Structures are given as C-alpha cells and as structure tokens.
Protein backbone atom coordinates (compact mmCIF):
# COMPACT_ATOMS: atom_id res chain seq x y z
CA MET A 1 -315.90 154.05 -274.60
CA LYS A 2 -314.74 150.93 -276.41
CA LYS A 3 -313.64 152.80 -279.57
CA PHE A 4 -311.74 155.32 -277.51
CA SER A 5 -310.00 152.57 -275.50
CA SER A 6 -309.05 150.76 -278.70
CA PHE A 7 -307.51 153.92 -280.10
CA LEU A 8 -305.39 154.43 -276.99
CA LEU A 9 -304.31 150.76 -277.03
CA MET A 10 -303.18 151.18 -280.63
CA LEU A 11 -301.02 154.12 -279.56
CA VAL A 12 -299.43 152.04 -276.82
CA LEU A 13 -298.60 149.23 -279.25
CA ILE A 14 -297.06 151.62 -281.78
CA VAL A 15 -294.88 153.24 -279.16
CA SER A 16 -293.84 149.84 -277.77
CA ILE A 17 -292.84 148.55 -281.21
CA THR A 18 -290.69 151.59 -281.94
CA GLY A 19 -288.97 151.28 -278.58
CA CYS A 20 -289.90 154.79 -277.53
CA GLY A 21 -288.74 155.64 -274.01
CA ASN A 22 -292.06 157.10 -272.90
CA SER A 23 -294.15 154.02 -273.67
CA LYS A 24 -294.72 153.38 -269.96
CA GLU A 25 -296.23 156.83 -269.55
CA VAL A 26 -298.59 156.32 -272.47
CA THR A 27 -299.78 153.01 -271.02
CA GLN A 28 -300.40 154.59 -267.64
CA LYS A 29 -302.39 157.44 -269.14
CA SER A 30 -304.48 154.99 -271.13
CA GLU A 31 -305.27 152.64 -268.27
CA GLY A 32 -305.49 155.10 -265.40
CA SER A 33 -307.89 157.71 -266.65
CA ASP A 34 -308.84 159.19 -263.32
CA ILE A 35 -307.77 162.62 -262.15
CA GLU A 36 -306.00 162.13 -258.84
CA SER A 37 -306.99 164.37 -255.98
CA GLU A 38 -303.43 165.63 -255.64
CA GLN A 39 -302.76 168.92 -257.40
CA GLY A 40 -299.62 167.44 -258.88
CA ASP A 41 -301.51 165.04 -261.14
CA ILE A 42 -302.94 167.86 -263.24
CA THR A 43 -299.91 170.08 -263.22
CA SER A 44 -299.61 173.69 -264.22
CA GLU A 45 -295.97 173.23 -265.23
CA LYS A 46 -295.57 173.85 -268.95
CA GLU A 47 -292.99 171.07 -269.29
CA GLN A 48 -295.42 168.50 -267.91
CA ASP A 49 -298.16 170.03 -270.05
CA THR A 50 -296.05 169.41 -273.14
CA ASP A 51 -295.43 165.81 -272.05
CA ASN A 52 -299.16 165.27 -271.68
CA LEU A 53 -299.79 166.68 -275.15
CA SER A 54 -297.37 164.15 -276.63
CA SER A 55 -298.98 161.39 -274.54
CA TYR A 56 -302.33 162.18 -276.11
CA ASP A 57 -301.05 162.76 -279.64
CA GLY A 58 -303.95 162.25 -282.03
CA ILE A 59 -306.47 163.36 -279.40
CA VAL A 60 -305.27 166.73 -278.13
CA GLY A 61 -303.57 169.48 -280.10
CA ILE A 62 -304.16 167.90 -283.52
CA ASP A 63 -302.42 169.94 -286.24
CA GLU A 64 -302.38 167.92 -289.46
CA ASP A 65 -300.91 170.69 -291.63
CA ASN A 66 -298.23 171.56 -289.02
CA ASN A 67 -298.95 175.29 -289.18
CA GLU A 68 -298.96 175.58 -285.37
CA ILE A 69 -302.70 176.31 -285.34
CA PRO A 70 -304.80 173.49 -283.88
CA ASP A 71 -307.20 172.00 -286.40
CA TRP A 72 -310.17 172.67 -284.12
CA GLN A 73 -309.54 176.40 -284.67
CA GLU A 74 -309.35 176.08 -288.47
CA LYS A 75 -311.80 173.47 -289.70
CA GLU A 76 -315.49 174.20 -290.11
CA ILE A 77 -317.16 172.52 -287.14
CA ALA A 78 -320.83 172.25 -286.19
CA LEU A 79 -321.72 171.48 -282.56
CA VAL A 80 -325.12 170.74 -281.04
CA PHE A 81 -325.72 171.94 -277.48
CA ALA A 82 -328.49 170.67 -275.17
CA MET A 83 -329.55 172.60 -272.07
CA ARG A 84 -333.02 173.12 -270.60
CA PHE A 85 -332.16 175.93 -268.19
CA TYR A 86 -332.21 179.73 -268.51
CA GLY A 87 -335.00 179.95 -271.08
CA THR A 88 -336.08 178.53 -274.43
CA GLU A 89 -335.23 181.58 -276.55
CA ASP A 90 -331.56 181.63 -277.58
CA ASN A 91 -331.34 185.43 -277.54
CA GLN A 92 -332.72 185.51 -274.00
CA ASN A 93 -330.71 182.60 -272.61
CA ALA A 94 -327.67 183.81 -270.65
CA MET A 95 -325.68 180.62 -271.16
CA PHE A 96 -326.28 180.58 -274.90
CA LEU A 97 -325.37 184.27 -275.10
CA ASN A 98 -321.98 183.28 -273.70
CA ILE A 99 -321.77 180.52 -276.32
CA LYS A 100 -322.27 183.23 -278.93
CA LYS A 101 -319.22 184.99 -277.49
CA PHE A 102 -317.31 181.75 -277.98
CA MET A 103 -318.43 181.61 -281.61
CA GLU A 104 -317.31 185.22 -282.11
CA LYS A 105 -313.83 184.23 -280.98
CA TYR A 106 -313.84 181.03 -283.04
CA PRO A 107 -315.94 181.82 -286.14
CA ASN A 108 -315.15 178.43 -287.67
CA ILE A 109 -317.34 176.81 -284.99
CA LYS A 110 -321.12 176.92 -285.30
CA VAL A 111 -323.15 175.96 -282.19
CA THR A 112 -326.90 175.35 -282.28
CA ARG A 113 -329.27 174.33 -279.49
CA ASP A 114 -331.06 171.00 -279.63
CA THR A 115 -334.76 171.90 -279.65
CA GLN A 116 -335.79 168.65 -277.95
CA PHE A 117 -333.96 169.70 -274.78
CA LYS A 118 -335.13 173.31 -274.53
CA GLU A 119 -338.23 172.65 -272.44
CA GLN A 120 -338.28 171.91 -268.71
CA ILE A 121 -338.25 168.17 -267.96
CA ASP A 122 -337.10 166.22 -264.93
CA ASP A 123 -333.74 164.48 -264.71
CA PHE A 124 -335.15 160.97 -265.13
CA GLU A 125 -337.00 161.89 -268.32
CA GLU A 126 -333.97 163.66 -269.72
CA LEU A 127 -331.79 160.62 -269.02
CA GLU A 128 -334.18 158.43 -271.03
CA MET A 129 -334.25 160.96 -273.87
CA LEU A 130 -330.45 161.03 -274.00
CA THR A 131 -330.35 157.22 -273.97
CA ALA A 132 -332.79 157.02 -276.87
CA ARG A 133 -330.79 159.55 -278.84
CA SER A 134 -327.66 157.51 -278.22
CA VAL A 135 -329.30 154.45 -279.76
CA GLU A 136 -330.12 156.61 -282.78
CA SER A 137 -326.53 157.98 -282.85
CA THR A 138 -327.92 161.51 -282.55
CA LEU A 139 -326.65 162.51 -279.11
CA PRO A 140 -326.06 166.25 -278.70
CA ASP A 141 -322.34 166.98 -278.71
CA ILE A 142 -322.44 168.77 -275.36
CA PHE A 143 -325.29 168.34 -272.91
CA TYR A 144 -326.45 168.86 -269.36
CA SER A 145 -325.73 165.64 -267.51
CA PRO A 146 -328.81 164.92 -265.36
CA MET A 147 -327.66 161.79 -263.50
CA SER A 148 -323.92 161.36 -263.38
CA ALA A 149 -323.55 157.68 -262.55
CA GLU A 150 -326.21 156.66 -265.06
CA VAL A 151 -324.89 158.65 -268.04
CA TYR A 152 -321.56 156.91 -267.50
CA ASP A 153 -323.00 153.40 -267.14
CA ARG A 154 -325.11 153.86 -270.25
CA GLU A 155 -321.98 154.85 -272.17
CA LEU A 156 -323.31 158.25 -273.18
CA VAL A 157 -320.21 160.28 -272.37
CA LEU A 158 -316.72 160.92 -273.67
CA ASP A 159 -313.80 160.52 -271.27
CA LEU A 160 -312.39 164.00 -270.62
CA THR A 161 -309.15 162.83 -269.01
CA PRO A 162 -306.87 163.55 -272.02
CA TYR A 163 -308.09 167.13 -272.32
CA LEU A 164 -307.92 167.94 -268.62
CA GLU A 165 -304.49 166.43 -268.15
CA SER A 166 -303.27 168.47 -271.12
CA ASP A 167 -304.78 171.75 -269.94
CA GLU A 168 -302.86 174.06 -267.64
CA GLU A 169 -305.95 175.75 -266.19
CA ALA A 170 -307.38 172.40 -265.09
CA SER A 171 -304.82 172.32 -262.28
CA MET A 172 -306.92 174.99 -260.55
CA ILE A 173 -310.10 172.91 -260.41
CA SER A 174 -311.04 172.32 -256.77
CA GLU A 175 -310.33 168.97 -255.16
CA ASN A 176 -313.94 168.06 -254.41
CA ALA A 177 -314.92 168.92 -257.98
CA LYS A 178 -312.12 166.72 -259.37
CA GLU A 179 -313.35 163.83 -257.30
CA PHE A 180 -316.96 164.46 -258.29
CA MET A 181 -316.03 164.55 -261.99
CA GLN A 182 -314.71 161.00 -261.88
CA SER A 183 -316.91 158.02 -262.53
CA TYR A 184 -317.58 156.02 -259.37
CA ASP A 185 -315.11 153.31 -260.51
CA LYS A 186 -312.41 155.96 -261.17
CA LYS A 187 -312.06 154.90 -264.83
CA ILE A 188 -313.03 158.11 -266.62
CA VAL A 189 -313.91 161.77 -266.15
CA TYR A 190 -317.52 161.96 -267.32
CA GLY A 191 -318.18 165.72 -267.14
CA ILE A 192 -317.36 169.11 -265.65
CA PRO A 193 -319.60 171.16 -263.32
CA TYR A 194 -320.48 174.53 -264.82
CA GLN A 195 -321.68 175.76 -261.45
CA SER A 196 -321.72 174.97 -257.78
CA VAL A 197 -324.84 176.14 -255.94
CA GLY A 198 -324.21 176.21 -252.21
CA ARG A 199 -326.37 176.89 -249.19
CA LEU A 200 -325.25 180.08 -247.45
CA PRO A 201 -325.75 181.13 -243.82
CA ALA A 202 -327.53 184.45 -243.38
CA LEU A 203 -328.37 186.77 -240.47
CA ASN A 204 -331.27 189.17 -239.99
CA LEU A 205 -329.33 192.26 -238.91
CA LYS A 206 -332.49 194.32 -238.52
CA LEU A 207 -333.83 191.93 -235.88
CA LEU A 208 -330.50 191.87 -234.06
CA ARG A 209 -330.17 195.66 -234.01
CA GLU A 210 -333.75 196.21 -232.87
CA ASN A 211 -333.09 193.91 -229.92
CA ASN A 212 -329.61 195.22 -229.07
CA ILE A 213 -327.93 191.90 -229.83
CA GLU A 214 -324.28 192.08 -230.85
CA ILE A 215 -323.66 191.31 -234.51
CA PRO A 216 -320.85 188.75 -234.94
CA SER A 217 -317.83 189.23 -237.18
CA TYR A 218 -317.43 187.27 -240.40
CA ASP A 219 -314.68 185.12 -238.87
CA TRP A 220 -317.11 183.67 -236.36
CA THR A 221 -317.05 180.20 -234.84
CA TYR A 222 -319.74 177.64 -234.13
CA GLU A 223 -319.59 178.74 -230.49
CA ASP A 224 -320.21 182.35 -231.58
CA TYR A 225 -323.17 181.16 -233.62
CA GLU A 226 -324.74 179.31 -230.70
CA ASN A 227 -324.13 182.23 -228.32
CA LEU A 228 -325.96 184.50 -230.74
CA ARG A 229 -328.90 182.14 -230.86
CA LYS A 230 -329.00 181.92 -227.05
CA GLU A 231 -329.32 185.71 -226.83
CA VAL A 232 -332.29 185.65 -229.20
CA ALA A 233 -333.81 182.67 -227.37
CA LYS A 234 -333.98 184.74 -224.18
CA LEU A 235 -336.48 187.02 -225.92
CA THR A 236 -338.57 184.33 -227.62
CA PRO A 237 -340.99 183.47 -224.76
CA ASN A 238 -342.43 186.99 -224.71
CA ASN A 239 -341.90 188.08 -228.32
CA PRO A 240 -342.77 186.79 -231.81
CA ILE A 241 -339.13 186.17 -232.70
CA PHE A 242 -337.08 182.98 -232.94
CA PRO A 243 -333.36 182.12 -232.99
CA GLY A 244 -333.55 180.28 -236.33
CA ILE A 245 -330.78 177.92 -237.43
CA ILE A 246 -328.11 177.23 -239.98
CA ASP A 247 -329.57 174.05 -241.44
CA PHE A 248 -326.99 171.37 -240.65
CA SER A 249 -329.47 168.55 -241.23
CA GLU A 250 -327.81 167.46 -244.49
CA ILE A 251 -324.19 168.56 -244.12
CA GLY A 252 -323.94 167.96 -240.35
CA PRO A 253 -322.10 164.59 -240.40
CA ASN A 254 -319.28 166.26 -242.34
CA TYR A 255 -319.37 169.60 -240.52
CA PHE A 256 -319.48 168.17 -236.98
CA ASP A 257 -317.80 164.77 -237.36
CA SER A 258 -315.71 164.96 -240.57
CA ILE A 259 -317.54 162.01 -242.13
CA PRO A 260 -316.21 161.92 -245.75
CA ASN A 261 -318.82 163.73 -247.83
CA GLY A 262 -321.33 162.98 -245.07
CA TRP A 263 -324.33 164.30 -246.99
CA LYS A 264 -327.35 163.02 -245.01
CA GLY A 265 -325.06 160.56 -243.25
CA TYR A 266 -323.51 158.94 -246.35
CA ASN A 267 -319.83 158.06 -245.92
CA PHE A 268 -318.13 158.44 -249.30
CA GLU A 269 -315.13 156.30 -248.34
CA THR A 270 -317.03 153.31 -246.96
CA GLY A 271 -319.98 153.57 -249.35
CA ARG A 272 -322.35 153.18 -246.39
CA PHE A 273 -324.59 155.38 -244.27
CA ASP A 274 -322.81 156.18 -241.02
CA PHE A 275 -325.08 157.93 -238.54
CA THR A 276 -323.54 155.86 -235.75
CA ASN A 277 -320.18 157.62 -236.05
CA SER A 278 -321.78 161.04 -236.51
CA GLU A 279 -321.99 161.58 -232.77
CA LYS A 280 -321.65 165.38 -232.66
CA PHE A 281 -324.20 165.64 -235.44
CA GLY A 282 -326.46 163.67 -233.12
CA GLU A 283 -325.80 166.18 -230.35
CA TRP A 284 -326.92 168.96 -232.71
CA PHE A 285 -330.15 167.10 -233.49
CA GLU A 286 -330.75 166.61 -229.78
CA LEU A 287 -330.26 170.35 -229.21
CA VAL A 288 -332.73 171.24 -231.97
CA ALA A 289 -335.23 168.72 -230.57
CA LYS A 290 -334.88 170.19 -227.08
CA GLU A 291 -335.39 173.71 -228.41
CA GLY A 292 -338.47 172.52 -230.27
CA LYS A 293 -340.01 171.33 -227.02
CA GLU A 294 -339.21 174.71 -225.47
CA GLY A 295 -341.08 176.57 -228.20
CA LEU A 296 -337.97 178.08 -229.78
CA HIS A 297 -338.77 176.90 -233.32
CA PHE A 298 -341.73 178.23 -235.29
CA TYR A 299 -342.41 174.98 -237.12
CA ASP A 300 -342.50 172.94 -233.90
CA LEU A 301 -345.42 175.01 -232.62
CA SER A 302 -348.96 173.88 -233.25
CA GLU A 303 -351.01 175.91 -235.70
CA GLU A 304 -352.92 177.44 -232.80
CA GLU A 305 -349.69 178.35 -230.99
CA ARG A 306 -348.24 179.95 -234.14
CA THR A 307 -351.33 182.07 -234.69
CA ALA A 308 -351.46 183.16 -231.04
CA LYS A 309 -347.79 184.12 -231.05
CA CYS A 310 -347.25 185.47 -234.56
CA GLY A 311 -350.66 186.27 -236.02
CA ASN A 312 -351.05 185.33 -239.67
CA PHE A 313 -347.34 185.14 -240.44
CA GLY A 314 -346.43 181.81 -242.02
CA TRP A 315 -342.84 182.17 -243.24
CA PRO A 316 -340.79 183.15 -240.17
CA TRP A 317 -337.54 183.78 -242.06
CA GLY A 318 -339.17 185.80 -244.81
CA ASP A 319 -341.38 187.61 -242.31
CA GLY A 320 -338.36 188.78 -240.35
CA LEU A 321 -339.10 186.69 -237.27
CA GLU A 322 -335.90 184.59 -237.27
CA ALA A 323 -332.38 185.79 -236.52
CA VAL A 324 -330.58 183.06 -238.50
CA GLY A 325 -331.50 181.54 -241.83
CA ASN A 326 -330.20 180.04 -245.07
CA VAL A 327 -330.08 181.19 -248.70
CA TRP A 328 -329.37 178.88 -251.64
CA LEU A 329 -327.20 180.30 -254.41
CA TYR A 330 -329.57 179.02 -257.10
CA SER A 331 -332.31 181.29 -255.72
CA PHE A 332 -329.98 184.00 -254.43
CA SER A 333 -331.18 186.91 -256.55
CA THR A 334 -334.87 186.09 -256.02
CA ASP A 335 -334.46 185.64 -252.27
CA ILE A 336 -332.44 188.81 -251.73
CA GLN A 337 -334.87 190.77 -253.89
CA THR A 338 -337.77 189.48 -251.78
CA LEU A 339 -336.11 189.81 -248.38
CA ASN A 340 -334.15 193.03 -248.63
CA LYS A 341 -335.94 195.03 -251.29
CA ASP A 342 -339.59 193.98 -251.18
CA ARG A 343 -339.82 193.23 -247.45
CA GLU A 344 -337.20 195.79 -246.36
CA LEU A 345 -335.31 193.41 -244.11
CA ASP A 346 -331.56 193.67 -243.64
CA ILE A 347 -330.34 190.17 -244.42
CA ASP A 348 -326.57 189.70 -244.55
CA ILE A 349 -324.70 186.73 -245.98
CA TYR A 350 -322.11 185.06 -243.73
CA PRO A 351 -319.36 182.49 -244.26
CA MET A 352 -319.83 179.19 -242.48
CA PRO A 353 -318.77 179.49 -238.83
CA LYS A 354 -315.60 177.60 -237.95
CA ALA A 355 -316.56 174.03 -237.09
CA PRO A 356 -316.09 172.71 -233.55
CA GLU A 357 -313.15 170.44 -232.78
CA GLY A 358 -313.31 167.19 -234.73
CA GLY A 359 -315.41 168.72 -237.50
CA THR A 360 -314.69 170.22 -240.92
CA THR A 361 -315.69 173.77 -241.80
CA SER A 362 -317.61 172.98 -244.96
CA ILE A 363 -320.52 174.13 -247.04
CA GLN A 364 -322.96 171.94 -248.95
CA ALA A 365 -323.75 172.39 -252.61
CA TYR A 366 -325.10 170.82 -255.77
CA TYR A 367 -322.86 170.53 -258.83
CA ASP A 368 -324.61 170.95 -262.18
CA THR A 369 -322.61 169.20 -264.86
CA LEU A 370 -322.02 169.29 -268.61
CA SER A 371 -320.74 166.27 -270.54
CA LEU A 372 -319.60 165.49 -274.08
CA SER A 373 -321.13 162.84 -276.32
CA LYS A 374 -319.37 159.49 -276.67
CA ASP A 375 -319.99 159.77 -280.45
CA LEU A 376 -317.23 162.38 -280.59
CA GLU A 377 -314.74 159.51 -280.30
CA ASP A 378 -315.03 159.15 -284.08
CA ASP A 379 -314.04 162.77 -284.76
CA PRO A 380 -311.14 163.88 -282.51
CA VAL A 381 -310.94 167.37 -284.02
CA LYS A 382 -314.62 168.00 -283.36
CA ALA A 383 -314.18 166.47 -279.90
CA GLU A 384 -311.43 168.95 -279.10
CA ALA A 385 -313.60 171.84 -280.25
CA ALA A 386 -316.42 170.56 -278.04
CA PHE A 387 -314.04 170.35 -275.09
CA GLN A 388 -312.90 173.93 -275.64
CA LEU A 389 -316.54 175.06 -275.52
CA LEU A 390 -317.03 172.95 -272.39
CA LYS A 391 -314.02 174.61 -270.77
CA TRP A 392 -315.35 178.06 -271.78
CA LEU A 393 -318.64 177.32 -270.01
CA THR A 394 -317.15 175.77 -266.85
CA TYR A 395 -313.72 176.59 -265.43
CA GLY A 396 -311.78 178.50 -268.12
CA GLU A 397 -310.77 182.05 -267.21
CA GLU A 398 -311.70 183.56 -270.55
CA GLY A 399 -315.14 181.95 -270.66
CA LEU A 400 -315.96 182.89 -267.07
CA LYS A 401 -315.01 186.51 -267.64
CA SER A 402 -317.07 186.50 -270.84
CA ARG A 403 -320.07 185.11 -268.93
CA TRP A 404 -319.84 187.72 -266.19
CA ALA A 405 -319.23 190.59 -268.63
CA LEU A 406 -322.72 189.96 -270.01
CA ILE A 407 -324.10 191.49 -266.80
CA ASP A 408 -322.83 194.93 -267.84
CA GLU A 409 -324.17 194.37 -271.34
CA TYR A 410 -327.64 193.55 -270.05
CA SER A 411 -327.84 196.11 -267.23
CA ASN A 412 -329.65 199.45 -267.35
CA LEU A 413 -331.96 198.35 -270.14
CA PRO A 414 -335.60 199.46 -270.36
CA GLU A 415 -337.87 197.69 -267.91
CA ASP A 416 -339.76 196.01 -270.74
CA ALA A 417 -336.57 194.54 -272.27
CA PRO A 418 -336.90 190.74 -272.69
CA LEU A 419 -333.73 190.09 -270.66
CA ARG A 420 -332.31 192.30 -267.91
CA ALA A 421 -329.52 191.50 -265.47
CA GLU A 422 -331.48 193.26 -262.75
CA ASP A 423 -334.30 190.71 -263.14
CA ASN A 424 -332.27 187.55 -263.79
CA LEU A 425 -328.90 188.09 -262.12
CA MET A 426 -328.16 184.45 -261.28
CA ASP A 427 -328.81 183.40 -264.88
CA PHE A 428 -325.66 185.36 -265.70
CA VAL A 429 -323.69 184.57 -262.55
CA GLN A 430 -324.58 180.84 -262.60
CA GLY A 431 -323.69 179.96 -259.04
CA TRP A 432 -320.02 179.62 -258.18
CA PRO A 433 -317.31 178.24 -260.48
CA ILE A 434 -315.15 175.23 -259.60
CA THR A 435 -311.87 177.07 -260.19
CA THR A 436 -309.78 178.01 -257.16
CA ASN A 437 -307.80 180.59 -259.14
CA GLU A 438 -307.93 183.79 -257.06
CA GLU A 439 -307.11 185.88 -260.14
CA VAL A 440 -310.32 184.60 -261.72
CA LEU A 441 -312.51 184.64 -258.62
CA LYS A 442 -311.82 188.34 -258.03
CA TYR A 443 -313.90 188.98 -261.17
CA HIS A 444 -316.88 186.99 -259.89
CA PRO A 445 -319.76 189.51 -259.79
CA LEU A 446 -320.50 188.81 -256.12
CA VAL A 447 -316.84 189.35 -255.25
CA LYS A 448 -316.30 192.36 -257.47
CA GLY A 449 -319.60 193.90 -256.41
CA PHE A 450 -321.85 196.42 -258.14
CA PRO A 451 -321.92 200.25 -258.21
CA GLU A 452 -323.75 201.67 -255.22
CA ASP A 453 -326.13 203.59 -257.50
CA SER A 454 -327.05 200.42 -259.39
CA GLU A 455 -330.20 198.34 -258.89
CA LEU A 456 -327.80 195.44 -258.43
CA ALA A 457 -326.18 197.05 -255.36
CA ILE A 458 -328.58 195.05 -253.16
CA TYR A 459 -326.41 192.01 -253.99
CA ASN A 460 -323.26 193.54 -252.48
CA PHE A 461 -322.24 191.46 -249.47
CA GLU A 462 -318.94 191.81 -247.68
CA ALA A 463 -318.68 188.08 -246.98
CA PHE A 464 -318.00 187.32 -250.65
CA LYS A 465 -314.76 189.31 -250.44
CA ASN A 466 -313.44 186.82 -247.88
CA LYS A 467 -310.93 184.66 -249.78
CA ASP A 468 -311.37 181.65 -247.52
CA PHE A 469 -315.12 181.80 -248.14
CA GLN A 470 -314.51 182.06 -251.89
CA GLN A 471 -312.38 178.93 -251.80
CA MET A 472 -315.00 177.09 -249.75
CA LEU A 473 -317.67 177.98 -252.32
CA SER A 474 -315.41 176.63 -255.10
CA ASN A 475 -314.76 173.46 -253.12
CA PRO A 476 -318.02 172.55 -251.34
CA VAL A 477 -319.18 169.15 -250.17
CA PRO A 478 -321.27 168.02 -253.16
CA TYR A 479 -324.50 166.10 -253.27
CA PRO A 480 -323.14 162.69 -254.37
CA ARG A 481 -325.21 162.19 -257.51
CA ASN A 482 -322.14 160.56 -259.07
CA ILE A 483 -322.54 157.51 -256.81
CA PRO A 484 -324.98 154.80 -258.00
CA ALA A 485 -328.21 154.36 -256.06
CA VAL A 486 -327.42 156.98 -253.37
CA ALA A 487 -329.90 159.51 -254.77
CA ARG A 488 -332.62 156.84 -254.81
CA ALA A 489 -331.84 155.90 -251.21
CA TYR A 490 -332.07 159.56 -250.22
CA ALA A 491 -335.63 159.57 -251.53
CA GLU A 492 -336.50 157.22 -248.66
CA LEU A 493 -334.97 159.50 -246.03
CA GLN A 494 -336.78 162.43 -244.49
CA ILE A 495 -333.82 163.65 -242.47
CA TRP A 496 -335.88 165.72 -240.04
CA ASP A 497 -337.67 162.53 -238.98
CA ILE A 498 -334.59 161.79 -236.86
CA LYS A 499 -335.04 165.03 -234.93
CA ASN A 500 -338.78 164.47 -234.61
CA GLN A 501 -338.20 160.97 -233.27
CA ILE A 502 -335.88 162.38 -230.60
CA LYS A 503 -338.36 165.15 -229.70
CA ASP A 504 -341.60 163.19 -229.79
CA GLN A 505 -340.44 159.82 -228.42
CA GLY A 506 -337.93 161.09 -225.87
CA VAL A 507 -335.09 158.89 -227.21
CA ARG A 508 -331.42 159.74 -227.51
CA TYR A 509 -329.70 159.95 -230.87
CA SER A 510 -327.35 157.15 -229.84
CA ASP A 511 -330.39 154.92 -229.25
CA ILE A 512 -331.59 155.18 -232.86
CA ALA A 513 -328.50 155.92 -234.99
CA THR A 514 -327.77 152.24 -235.71
CA GLU A 515 -331.41 151.65 -236.67
CA TRP A 516 -331.23 154.49 -239.17
CA ASP A 517 -327.96 153.11 -240.55
CA ASP A 518 -329.51 149.67 -241.00
CA LEU A 519 -332.60 151.10 -242.66
CA MET A 520 -330.72 153.31 -245.11
CA ASN A 521 -328.03 150.74 -245.93
CA ASN A 522 -330.75 148.18 -246.71
CA TYR A 523 -332.32 150.66 -249.11
CA LEU A 524 -328.90 151.32 -250.61
CA GLU A 525 -328.17 147.63 -251.12
CA GLU A 526 -331.61 147.07 -252.64
CA TYR A 527 -331.18 149.86 -255.15
CA LEU A 528 -327.63 148.79 -255.94
CA ARG A 529 -328.90 145.32 -256.81
CA GLU A 530 -331.51 146.83 -259.11
CA TYR A 531 -328.92 149.17 -260.57
CA LYS A 532 -326.52 146.37 -261.44
CA LYS A 533 -329.26 144.44 -263.25
CA LYS A 534 -329.75 147.27 -265.73
C-alpha cells in the first residue's frame, strides 16, 4: 500500500505546484479511498467518469502512445490466477473457461492458473500460503480472498478504488456489496465479490396439496408464512408431517428488528453483539421453543419419538415431511436434483416474506471475493489488465453474459463428457452477481429459465422472475467476514443454544439476552486484542 500511496501523493504535489484547479479533487481521491454507500459517489454520468479518469491519470486509462487504445489492451501481459474452486483441470473448470473467453477477446493477455492454489484447502491455510508468497514477492496477480480483514491487514491486496470510481458499470454494484468491499477502516477497497450465495425459502407444494392447504402467493408476508405453518401444525399430532421453518436463526436480528447487518446478533454500526435490542427476534426464538415442546419440530423429538412417528426417516425436509424449508444457492443444483428429480417432491422456491413492522425484508448470504495483488502497484498497466479480468469475473455485463453463455455450450453433451451443465449447473451460474442492473439480471440463467424439454428445466422457478427478489439476491445481508475477529467470535456461538435454553430451562429471551451479549462481546474483545498484536 505504501508505494501506491506515495505515487498518489506525488500526483497531488505536481498538481499543486502547477496551480491546477482540480488539485483539491485529486487530494480527496487519494486520501478518501472508500466507496461511499450513496449511488452518487460511483456515478454513471460520463462527465464524472471522465473527471475520475483524469484524477487517476497514470493509474487508469494509461495510453503512452496516445493512439486512443489503452496500453493494457496492446502490451503483452501475463497474469497468474489463483482459485481452488470448480475443479483442478483448467478445461473442466467453469470459471477458467470464462477466463479463456476473456483471453479470446484480449489476445495480448495470457492468464495461467497458479498450481499451488488448485487443490482444496481451508481459508486459514490459504491465508498463510498467500502471506508466504507475499514475502517471496510471488503473489498471484488475482486470487480468491479467503479472509477479507486479514488479507488487508497483511498488505496483500491492491486498492481498487481508482478503477471502480473510473468505471461506469461500478455504479450498479449493490449497496451492501459496496460496503462489504471496503476495508473495515474505510481506507481501501480490497476486493470484489464474484458471487453472492444466499439462503432461499422453499415450500413443499406436494405436501400442501395432499393436505388441502392453500398455497401462498409469491408476494406473501410473515403473517402469511405463520398462518401456513399453523395449518400444517394442526395435522402434526396425528400425522408424520411438520410445519418446518424459514431459518431466521442467523438473519433474524436484521429481519425482525432491523439491527444493522445483524448476522447472529452482530450490530455492524456499533461493532458489538446486540441480542438485547433484538426483541422480536427473541419472540421468534420463544415461538420455536414453544413449538418444540409441543412436538412440532422433528429435531426436538427424542430418537424414540422420531422412530415411532416417522419410521426410519432421518431428514424431514428431504424426506418430504416438512412444509417449509431452506435451500442455499451454493448447493442449489444438487439440492433441487435430489429433492425434485430423485425424490419426486415438488419443492418451490419463494422470495422472503415481507418482514413484520419494525423489521427489514432481507436475505442472508455469503460473499466470495477476488482480490488483486499489492505487487501490481509497480506495474500500473498490468494492474489495469488484472482489474479488467476481475471486472469480467464479477460485476461486468460482458463477463457475466460470457459466463452464463457457457451453459449452452456445455449442455446436451454425452453423459460421459468430463463437464456437463446438467451435472454442474451452479459451477457455471456461480450464485448471484452483485450488480443491480436489471438489463444484466434478466440474462441470469435462473431468471431467463431453461427450455421445458431440457434436463435443466427442473431449475425453472417463477420466484426468480420477481424483480424485487432479484434485487434482494444482489443486495443480501452478508456474513461480515470483512470485520476483524467477528468470524472467530462466531465460532464460539452455537446460535440454537439460545432456543434450547429457552425450551429446556423455561426462561424468557429477555432474561438471557444480556448474558449472551456479555459473553459474545467478551469473546470479541479478546480476539480483537489478539488480532491487534499480529
């Protein structure tokens, strides 16, 4: 970071000496490298875009021979890419196949995969590998960013602010993604999510139809959701079926009480756990605890009770015994294949029901992020080429369409083909993009849908055509892995222990919320102290 900051400071001094009228703007861009949450900060106006290009002269839009073709499109450039997901073989890796499309468009750029990062490793190990490579000055140019706060603190990443503020399409990045992309101290933009993987509500329509229970519309409310569950609960005492739930255990403080971020009780604005002010979330936990005592939840039954009621079934959602469930986008194709094709259920995806008063209709998700190497500071032309690849893989319209077009290319192949879209759909889809551009989202495979005579038709769900739902998926409440020590504190929290304490000890949520706050904030402070020592 220090070389990059020095370069920007030099620009400011030069402009100041020459008395240029826009010196104030250059200084502000250099010192304030965060992307504000307001849409206006990253503007789509071409005039402002031009101003930003001049502000970042020597970083963005470099054209040394003045032929109106950026140098990154002309010079021979070699980039190294590091990603452990989607397979070790380049020709069978959906993300790298899209990189090949990028190279076809820009034949002057050669991208190779770093072999050290092809195998599956956990995030902690990958962070240490990246750190070691940084010491050796051999960081990959573009890499999966396993732990956002740590890659920033260890000075592994290039600040992306100049490129994003100079790029018109960046104005369409969702607000929660913009905030997530910033370092926790708001000084730089450390990376860009290439996918958002949310947790989707789902209904077992087969169960509802068989029991003459009205199927709700897609514009349902939380009240509609609970009324549906009550109708199923009436049948539970004498039948091996259960209401099921939308799992609010992690997102509940945001959904019910509008706690900022709110993931597992963490308040993004205060930097503290805040179960105490998540009162309606507490009411939901009390309801689930009460239902558990009444035998309305499979997993609250003893093993003997489960066997007596359900026989040998052990996965109530997958066995078709629950009316309401949840499907993660990262396992979407596998789950739908299992539930609707193999088990012949009729599972339908639903948008989140409208939150009750005082809450925020939100969906939870993980952002998976790509970053650029700090070593690119020394080669601004190569850095710009790396950013263009990063944009292609994350939010850029052309790159997203290229990614999704691969589905057609790899559909209807022989069953023994090494890579088929029918077998690995989400490798090509890669969750949900962070762009809010409706003209791009209409090409998302789950929005566009698949031919009815295609094997992929089982992934056609009407909910994905709902534009409000599309925007929610682009702008979910993210797991706050960009905040130091929060992920480590989460490791100490088994969130369902709160419900179990209410159910088994007969206490009220309000009796224990402060205790849970104290416990988790002590963990947070402990880990923050350790973090700051490193």
